[in-house]
PDB file of N, CA and C in Angstrom:
ATOM      1  N   MET A   1     104.719  98.524  82.554  1.00  0.00           N
ATOM      2  CA  MET A   1     104.298  97.197  82.934  1.00  0.00           C
ATOM      3  C   MET A   1     102.883  96.916  82.423  1.00  0.00           C
ATOM      4  N   ARG A   2     102.015  97.898  82.556  1.00  0.00           N
ATOM      5  CA  ARG A   2     100.632  97.692  82.107  1.00  0.00           C
ATOM      6  C   ARG A   2     100.589  97.453  80.608  1.00  0.00           C
ATOM      7  N   ARG A   3     101.363  98.220  79.869  1.00  0.00           N
ATOM      8  CA  ARG A   3     101.387  98.064  78.413  1.00  0.00           C
ATOM      9  C   ARG A   3     101.915  96.678  78.049  1.00  0.00           C
ATOM     10  N   PHE A   4     102.959  96.241  78.737  1.00  0.00           N
ATOM     11  CA  PHE A   4     103.535  94.915  78.494  1.00  0.00           C
ATOM     12  C   PHE A   4     102.496  93.830  78.769  1.00  0.00           C
ATOM     13  N   TYR A   5     101.723  93.996  79.825  1.00  0.00           N
ATOM     14  CA  TYR A   5     100.672  93.035  80.183  1.00  0.00           C
ATOM     15  C   TYR A   5      99.650  92.904  79.054  1.00  0.00           C
ATOM     16  N   HIS A   6      99.232  94.010  78.506  1.00  0.00           N
ATOM     17  CA  HIS A   6      98.206  93.976  77.466  1.00  0.00           C
ATOM     18  C   HIS A   6      98.752  93.531  76.112  1.00  0.00           C
ATOM     19  N   GLU A   7      99.967  93.914  75.805  1.00  0.00           N
ATOM     20  CA  GLU A   7     100.522  93.604  74.485  1.00  0.00           C
ATOM     21  C   GLU A   7     101.083  92.191  74.381  1.00  0.00           C
ATOM     22  N   SER A   8     101.711  91.704  75.438  1.00  0.00           N
ATOM     23  CA  SER A   8     102.394  90.419  75.327  1.00  0.00           C
ATOM     24  C   SER A   8     101.575  89.245  75.833  1.00  0.00           C
ATOM     25  N   GLY A   9     100.522  89.517  76.537  1.00  0.00           N
ATOM     26  CA  GLY A   9      99.655  88.438  76.972  1.00  0.00           C
ATOM     27  C   GLY A   9     100.168  87.633  78.153  1.00  0.00           C
ATOM     28  N   ILE A  10     101.021  88.234  79.025  1.00  0.00           N
ATOM     29  CA  ILE A  10     101.422  87.501  80.225  1.00  0.00           C
ATOM     30  C   ILE A  10     100.193  87.318  81.099  1.00  0.00           C
ATOM     31  N   ASN A  11     100.217  86.302  81.950  1.00  0.00           N
ATOM     32  CA  ASN A  11      99.028  86.068  82.764  1.00  0.00           C
ATOM     33  C   ASN A  11      98.936  87.091  83.900  1.00  0.00           C
ATOM     34  N   PHE A  12      97.750  87.199  84.468  1.00  0.00           N
ATOM     35  CA  PHE A  12      97.492  88.235  85.461  1.00  0.00           C
ATOM     36  C   PHE A  12      98.355  88.058  86.702  1.00  0.00           C
ATOM     37  N   GLY A  13      98.598  86.849  87.130  1.00  0.00           N
ATOM     38  CA  GLY A  13      99.415  86.615  88.318  1.00  0.00           C
ATOM     39  C   GLY A  13     100.816  87.170  88.169  1.00  0.00           C
ATOM     40  N   VAL A  14     101.424  86.950  87.010  1.00  0.00           N
ATOM     41  CA  VAL A  14     102.764  87.481  86.745  1.00  0.00           C
ATOM     42  C   VAL A  14     102.712  89.006  86.706  1.00  0.00           C
ATOM     43  N   PHE A  15     101.735  89.536  86.004  1.00  0.00           N
ATOM     44  CA  PHE A  15     101.581  90.985  85.927  1.00  0.00           C
ATOM     45  C   PHE A  15     101.425  91.589  87.318  1.00  0.00           C
ATOM     46  N   ALA A  16     100.534  91.023  88.128  1.00  0.00           N
ATOM     47  CA  ALA A  16     100.257  91.575  89.455  1.00  0.00           C
ATOM     48  C   ALA A  16     101.516  91.580  90.321  1.00  0.00           C
ATOM     49  N   THR A  17     102.273  90.506  90.281  1.00  0.00           N
ATOM     50  CA  THR A  17     103.503  90.427  91.067  1.00  0.00           C
ATOM     51  C   THR A  17     104.503  91.482  90.625  1.00  0.00           C
ATOM     52  N   ARG A  18     104.684  91.618  89.326  1.00  0.00           N
ATOM     53  CA  ARG A  18     105.640  92.595  88.800  1.00  0.00           C
ATOM     54  C   ARG A  18     105.178  94.034  89.064  1.00  0.00           C
ATOM     55  N   TYR A  19     103.897  94.284  88.890  1.00  0.00           N
ATOM     56  CA  TYR A  19     103.371  95.634  89.105  1.00  0.00           C
ATOM     57  C   TYR A  19     103.500  96.030  90.576  1.00  0.00           C
ATOM     58  N   ARG A  20     103.173  95.110  91.487  1.00  0.00           N
ATOM     59  CA  ARG A  20     103.349  95.393  92.917  1.00  0.00           C
ATOM     60  C   ARG A  20     104.817  95.689  93.217  1.00  0.00           C
ATOM     61  N   GLY A  21     105.710  94.932  92.593  1.00  0.00           N
ATOM     62  CA  GLY A  21     107.139  95.161  92.786  1.00  0.00           C
ATOM     63  C   GLY A  21     107.570  96.536  92.301  1.00  0.00           C
ATOM     64  N   GLU A  22     107.061  96.943  91.145  1.00  0.00           N
ATOM     65  CA  GLU A  22     107.378  98.282  90.629  1.00  0.00           C
ATOM     66  C   GLU A  22     106.894  99.368  91.584  1.00  0.00           C
ATOM     67  N   LEU A  23     105.691  99.202  92.094  1.00  0.00           N
ATOM     68  CA  LEU A  23     105.144 100.198  93.017  1.00  0.00           C
ATOM     69  C   LEU A  23     105.932 100.208  94.325  1.00  0.00           C
ATOM     70  N   ARG A  24     106.312  99.043  94.805  1.00  0.00           N
ATOM     71  CA  ARG A  24     107.091  98.947  96.043  1.00  0.00           C
ATOM     72  C   ARG A  24     108.478  99.570  95.867  1.00  0.00           C
ATOM     73  N   ASP A  25     109.105  99.322  94.711  1.00  0.00           N
ATOM     74  CA  ASP A  25     110.455  99.823  94.456  1.00  0.00           C
ATOM     75  C   ASP A  25     110.498 101.310  94.125  1.00  0.00           C
ATOM     76  N   ASN A  26     109.352 101.887  93.789  1.00  0.00           N
ATOM     77  CA  ASN A  26     109.292 103.301  93.430  1.00  0.00           C
ATOM     78  C   ASN A  26     108.124 103.971  94.168  1.00  0.00           C
ATOM     79  N   PRO A  27     108.234 104.087  95.494  1.00  0.00           N
ATOM     80  CA  PRO A  27     107.117 104.647  96.260  1.00  0.00           C
ATOM     81  C   PRO A  27     106.787 106.094  95.896  1.00  0.00           C
ATOM     82  N   ALA A  28     107.739 106.822  95.345  1.00  0.00           N
ATOM     83  CA  ALA A  28     107.476 108.208  94.951  1.00  0.00           C
ATOM     84  C   ALA A  28     106.416 108.285  93.854  1.00  0.00           C
ATOM     85  N   SER A  29     106.247 107.212  93.098  1.00  0.00           N
ATOM     86  CA  SER A  29     105.245 107.226  92.027  1.00  0.00           C
ATOM     87  C   SER A  29     103.822 107.324  92.576  1.00  0.00           C
ATOM     88  N   LEU A  30     103.643 106.971  93.850  1.00  0.00           N
ATOM     89  CA  LEU A  30     102.311 107.041  94.459  1.00  0.00           C
ATOM     90  C   LEU A  30     102.006 108.406  95.063  1.00  0.00           C
ATOM     91  N   GLU A  31     103.024 109.235  95.231  1.00  0.00           N
ATOM     92  CA  GLU A  31     102.829 110.508  95.926  1.00  0.00           C
ATOM     93  C   GLU A  31     101.774 111.415  95.302  1.00  0.00           C
ATOM     94  N   PRO A  32     101.723 111.584  93.976  1.00  0.00           N
ATOM     95  CA  PRO A  32     100.654 112.439  93.428  1.00  0.00           C
ATOM     96  C   PRO A  32      99.251 111.917  93.753  1.00  0.00           C
ATOM     97  N   LEU A  33      99.071 110.618  93.694  1.00  0.00           N
ATOM     98  CA  LEU A  33      97.752 110.051  94.015  1.00  0.00           C
ATOM     99  C   LEU A  33      97.452 110.193  95.501  1.00  0.00           C
ATOM    100  N   MET A  34      98.460 110.004  96.326  1.00  0.00           N
ATOM    101  CA  MET A  34      98.262 110.153  97.767  1.00  0.00           C
ATOM    102  C   MET A  34      97.895 111.596  98.110  1.00  0.00           C
ATOM    103  N   ARG A  35      98.547 112.549  97.449  1.00  0.00           N
ATOM    104  CA  ARG A  35      98.248 113.961  97.684  1.00  0.00           C
ATOM    105  C   ARG A  35      96.780 114.254  97.354  1.00  0.00           C
ATOM    106  N   LEU A  36      96.325 113.733  96.231  1.00  0.00           N
ATOM    107  CA  LEU A  36      94.920 113.935  95.846  1.00  0.00           C
ATOM    108  C   LEU A  36      93.980 113.236  96.813  1.00  0.00           C
ATOM    109  N   ALA A  37      94.327 112.038  97.244  1.00  0.00           N
ATOM    110  CA  ALA A  37      93.472 111.278  98.157  1.00  0.00           C
ATOM    111  C   ALA A  37      93.359 111.962  99.518  1.00  0.00           C
ATOM    112  N   ARG A  38      94.425 112.631  99.938  1.00  0.00           N
ATOM    113  CA  ARG A  38      94.379 113.353 101.214  1.00  0.00           C
ATOM    114  C   ARG A  38      93.439 114.559 101.133  1.00  0.00           C
ATOM    115  N   GLN A  39      93.314 115.150  99.954  1.00  0.00           N
ATOM    116  CA  GLN A  39      92.494 116.353  99.793  1.00  0.00           C
ATOM    117  C   GLN A  39      91.009 116.040  99.685  1.00  0.00           C
ATOM    118  N   SER A  40      90.684 114.971  98.974  1.00  0.00           N
ATOM    119  CA  SER A  40      89.281 114.613  98.789  1.00  0.00           C
ATOM    120  C   SER A  40      89.212 113.185  98.238  1.00  0.00           C
ATOM    121  N   ARG A  41      88.052 112.822  97.831  1.00  0.00           N
ATOM    122  CA  ARG A  41      87.854 111.484  97.275  1.00  0.00           C
ATOM    123  C   ARG A  41      88.657 111.335  95.986  1.00  0.00           C
ATOM    124  N   LEU A  42      89.338 110.205  95.842  1.00  0.00           N
ATOM    125  CA  LEU A  42      90.134 109.921  94.655  1.00  0.00           C
ATOM    126  C   LEU A  42      89.411 108.852  93.845  1.00  0.00           C
ATOM    127  N   THR A  43      89.168 109.116  92.587  1.00  0.00           N
ATOM    128  CA  THR A  43      88.522 108.169  91.694  1.00  0.00           C
ATOM    129  C   THR A  43      89.523 107.736  90.636  1.00  0.00           C
ATOM    130  N   LEU A  44      89.769 106.436  90.561  1.00  0.00           N
ATOM    131  CA  LEU A  44      90.669 105.880  89.556  1.00  0.00           C
ATOM    132  C   LEU A  44      89.837 105.403  88.382  1.00  0.00           C
ATOM    133  N   LEU A  45      90.239 105.766  87.187  1.00  0.00           N
ATOM    134  CA  LEU A  45      89.503 105.415  85.975  1.00  0.00           C
ATOM    135  C   LEU A  45      90.333 104.510  85.082  1.00  0.00           C
ATOM    136  N   SER A  46      89.642 103.705  84.302  1.00  0.00           N
ATOM    137  CA  SER A  46      90.311 102.836  83.349  1.00  0.00           C
ATOM    138  C   SER A  46      89.347 102.496  82.226  1.00  0.00           C
ATOM    139  N   ALA A  47      89.909 102.146  81.085  1.00  0.00           N
ATOM    140  CA  ALA A  47      89.094 101.674  79.967  1.00  0.00           C
ATOM    141  C   ALA A  47      89.008 100.156  79.958  1.00  0.00           C
ATOM    142  N   ALA A  48      89.564  99.519  80.965  1.00  0.00           N
ATOM    143  CA  ALA A  48      89.559  98.054  81.024  1.00  0.00           C
ATOM    144  C   ALA A  48      88.130  97.532  81.148  1.00  0.00           C
ATOM    145  N   ARG A  49      87.873  96.480  80.438  1.00  0.00           N
ATOM    146  CA  ARG A  49      86.538  95.869  80.515  1.00  0.00           C
ATOM    147  C   ARG A  49      86.380  95.034  81.773  1.00  0.00           C
ATOM    148  N   ASP A  50      87.454  94.393  82.207  1.00  0.00           N
ATOM    149  CA  ASP A  50      87.441  93.581  83.422  1.00  0.00           C
ATOM    150  C   ASP A  50      88.295  94.292  84.460  1.00  0.00           C
ATOM    151  N   LEU A  51      87.668  95.097  85.290  1.00  0.00           N
ATOM    152  CA  LEU A  51      88.413  95.903  86.248  1.00  0.00           C
ATOM    153  C   LEU A  51      89.187  95.061  87.254  1.00  0.00           C
ATOM    154  N   GLU A  52      88.656  93.923  87.632  1.00  0.00           N
ATOM    155  CA  GLU A  52      89.341  93.073  88.604  1.00  0.00           C
ATOM    156  C   GLU A  52      90.618  92.469  88.031  1.00  0.00           C
ATOM    157  N   ALA A  53      90.705  92.349  86.726  1.00  0.00           N
ATOM    158  CA  ALA A  53      91.915  91.812  86.078  1.00  0.00           C
ATOM    159  C   ALA A  53      92.728  92.944  85.457  1.00  0.00           C
ATOM    160  N   SER A  54      92.633  94.112  86.070  1.00  0.00           N
ATOM    161  CA  SER A  54      93.385  95.270  85.576  1.00  0.00           C
ATOM    162  C   SER A  54      94.333  95.739  86.673  1.00  0.00           C
ATOM    163  N   PHE A  55      95.025  96.810  86.401  1.00  0.00           N
ATOM    164  CA  PHE A  55      95.960  97.370  87.368  1.00  0.00           C
ATOM    165  C   PHE A  55      95.252  98.110  88.501  1.00  0.00           C
ATOM    166  N   LEU A  56      93.982  98.467  88.328  1.00  0.00           N
ATOM    167  CA  LEU A  56      93.303  99.319  89.295  1.00  0.00           C
ATOM    168  C   LEU A  56      93.223  98.752  90.707  1.00  0.00           C
ATOM    169  N   PRO A  57      92.822  97.500  90.903  1.00  0.00           N
ATOM    170  CA  PRO A  57      92.791  96.997  92.282  1.00  0.00           C
ATOM    171  C   PRO A  57      94.168  96.998  92.943  1.00  0.00           C
ATOM    172  N   ILE A  58      95.201  96.746  92.165  1.00  0.00           N
ATOM    173  CA  ILE A  58      96.562  96.724  92.693  1.00  0.00           C
ATOM    174  C   ILE A  58      96.992  98.139  93.068  1.00  0.00           C
ATOM    175  N   LEU A  59      96.697  99.093  92.199  1.00  0.00           N
ATOM    176  CA  LEU A  59      97.043 100.484  92.467  1.00  0.00           C
ATOM    177  C   LEU A  59      96.265 101.004  93.673  1.00  0.00           C
ATOM    178  N   ARG A  60      94.992 100.682  93.742  1.00  0.00           N
ATOM    179  CA  ARG A  60      94.160 101.092  94.886  1.00  0.00           C
ATOM    180  C   ARG A  60      94.743 100.544  96.185  1.00  0.00           C
ATOM    181  N   GLU A  61      95.085  99.279  96.179  1.00  0.00           N
ATOM    182  CA  GLU A  61      95.667  98.623  97.355  1.00  0.00           C
ATOM    183  C   GLU A  61      96.971  99.321  97.768  1.00  0.00           C
ATOM    184  N   ALA A  62      97.807  99.665  96.792  1.00  0.00           N
ATOM    185  CA  ALA A  62      99.088 100.310  97.081  1.00  0.00           C
ATOM    186  C   ALA A  62      98.885 101.708  97.663  1.00  0.00           C
ATOM    187  N   VAL A  63      97.968 102.468  97.115  1.00  0.00           N
ATOM    188  CA  VAL A  63      97.706 103.822  97.614  1.00  0.00           C
ATOM    189  C   VAL A  63      97.152 103.752  99.032  1.00  0.00           C
ATOM    190  N   LEU A  64      96.188 102.870  99.265  1.00  0.00           N
ATOM    191  CA  LEU A  64      95.614 102.737 100.606  1.00  0.00           C
ATOM    192  C   LEU A  64      96.661 102.278 101.617  1.00  0.00           C
ATOM    193  N   ALA A  65      97.524 101.351 101.233  1.00  0.00           N
ATOM    194  CA  ALA A  65      98.574 100.870 102.134  1.00  0.00           C
ATOM    195  C   ALA A  65      99.556 101.991 102.457  1.00  0.00           C
ATOM    196  N   ALA A  66      99.904 102.791 101.462  1.00  0.00           N
ATOM    197  CA  ALA A  66     100.828 103.898 101.687  1.00  0.00           C
ATOM    198  C   ALA A  66     100.202 104.947 102.615  1.00  0.00           C
ATOM    199  N   LEU A  67      98.938 105.259 102.401  1.00  0.00           N
ATOM    200  CA  LEU A  67      98.258 106.218 103.276  1.00  0.00           C
ATOM    201  C   LEU A  67      98.138 105.661 104.684  1.00  0.00           C
ATOM    202  N   ASN A  68      97.851 104.380 104.791  1.00  0.00           N
ATOM    203  CA  ASN A  68      97.768 103.731 106.093  1.00  0.00           C
ATOM    204  C   ASN A  68      99.120 103.757 106.787  1.00  0.00           C
ATOM    205  N   GLY A  69     100.183 103.525 106.028  1.00  0.00           N
ATOM    206  CA  GLY A  69     101.534 103.582 106.572  1.00  0.00           C
ATOM    207  C   GLY A  69     101.866 104.956 107.110  1.00  0.00           C
ATOM    208  N   GLU A  70     101.434 105.994 106.421  1.00  0.00           N
ATOM    209  CA  GLU A  70     101.630 107.363 106.903  1.00  0.00           C
ATOM    210  C   GLU A  70     100.916 107.570 108.230  1.00  0.00           C
ATOM    211  N   SER A  71      99.700 107.059 108.328  1.00  0.00           N
ATOM    212  CA  SER A  71      98.917 107.210 109.549  1.00  0.00           C
ATOM    213  C   SER A  71      99.601 106.503 110.711  1.00  0.00           C
ATOM    214  N   LEU A  72     100.119 105.307 110.447  1.00  0.00           N
ATOM    215  CA  LEU A  72     100.799 104.551 111.497  1.00  0.00           C
ATOM    216  C   LEU A  72     102.076 105.262 111.930  1.00  0.00           C
ATOM    217  N   GLU A  73     102.831 105.796 110.972  1.00  0.00           N
ATOM    218  CA  GLU A  73     104.053 106.526 111.305  1.00  0.00           C
ATOM    219  C   GLU A  73     103.722 107.759 112.140  1.00  0.00           C
ATOM    220  N   ALA A  74     102.677 108.462 111.772  1.00  0.00           N
ATOM    221  CA  ALA A  74     102.290 109.663 112.515  1.00  0.00           C
ATOM    222  C   ALA A  74     101.864 109.307 113.941  1.00  0.00           C
ATOM    223  N   SER A  75     101.109 108.223 114.098  1.00  0.00           N
ATOM    224  CA  SER A  75     100.669 107.842 115.451  1.00  0.00           C
ATOM    225  C   SER A  75     101.852 107.341 116.271  1.00  0.00           C
ATOM    226  N   ASP A  76     102.834 106.694 115.653  1.00  0.00           N
ATOM    227  CA  ASP A  76     104.035 106.278 116.367  1.00  0.00           C
ATOM    228  C   ASP A  76     104.825 107.482 116.853  1.00  0.00           C
ATOM    229  N   GLU A  77     104.905 108.531 116.019  1.00  0.00           N
ATOM    230  CA  GLU A  77     105.616 109.745 116.421  1.00  0.00           C
ATOM    231  C   GLU A  77     104.921 110.436 117.587  1.00  0.00           C
ATOM    232  N   ILE A  78     103.615 110.420 117.576  1.00  0.00           N
ATOM    233  CA  ILE A  78     102.855 111.064 118.646  1.00  0.00           C
ATOM    234  C   ILE A  78     103.052 110.314 119.967  1.00  0.00           C
ATOM    235  N   THR A  79     102.991 108.980 119.930  1.00  0.00           N
ATOM    236  CA  THR A  79     103.135 108.215 121.164  1.00  0.00           C
ATOM    237  C   THR A  79     104.584 108.165 121.624  1.00  0.00           C
ATOM    238  N   ALA A  80     105.548 108.362 120.712  1.00  0.00           N
ATOM    239  CA  ALA A  80     106.949 108.300 121.079  1.00  0.00           C
ATOM    240  C   ALA A  80     107.453 109.613 121.674  1.00  0.00           C
ATOM    241  N   SER A  81     106.752 110.697 121.413  1.00  0.00           N
ATOM    242  CA  SER A  81     107.221 111.985 121.921  1.00  0.00           C
ATOM    243  C   SER A  81     106.912 112.128 123.401  1.00  0.00           C
ATOM    244  N   PRO A  82     107.843 112.775 124.146  1.00  0.00           N
ATOM    245  CA  PRO A  82     107.644 112.917 125.616  1.00  0.00           C
ATOM    246  C   PRO A  82     106.592 113.924 126.001  1.00  0.00           C
TER     247      PRO A  82
END
């Protein structure tokens, strides 16, 4: 998706929607990043000149949401147990 965004010139809104969809439809793709983030600080790098118009904010948002979801699931299990 990122390559398509840069090569074909689709606008950022279309790219962001499609990229979020790819991440949502394939949550396993976030697992390596989540594993690293659980161990220590995770730094995402890019060669993009405009970071706000790149995949990084979207990826960061997805990783944080997934980690937050894990935390919520864990707290639900703790409060649900007798």
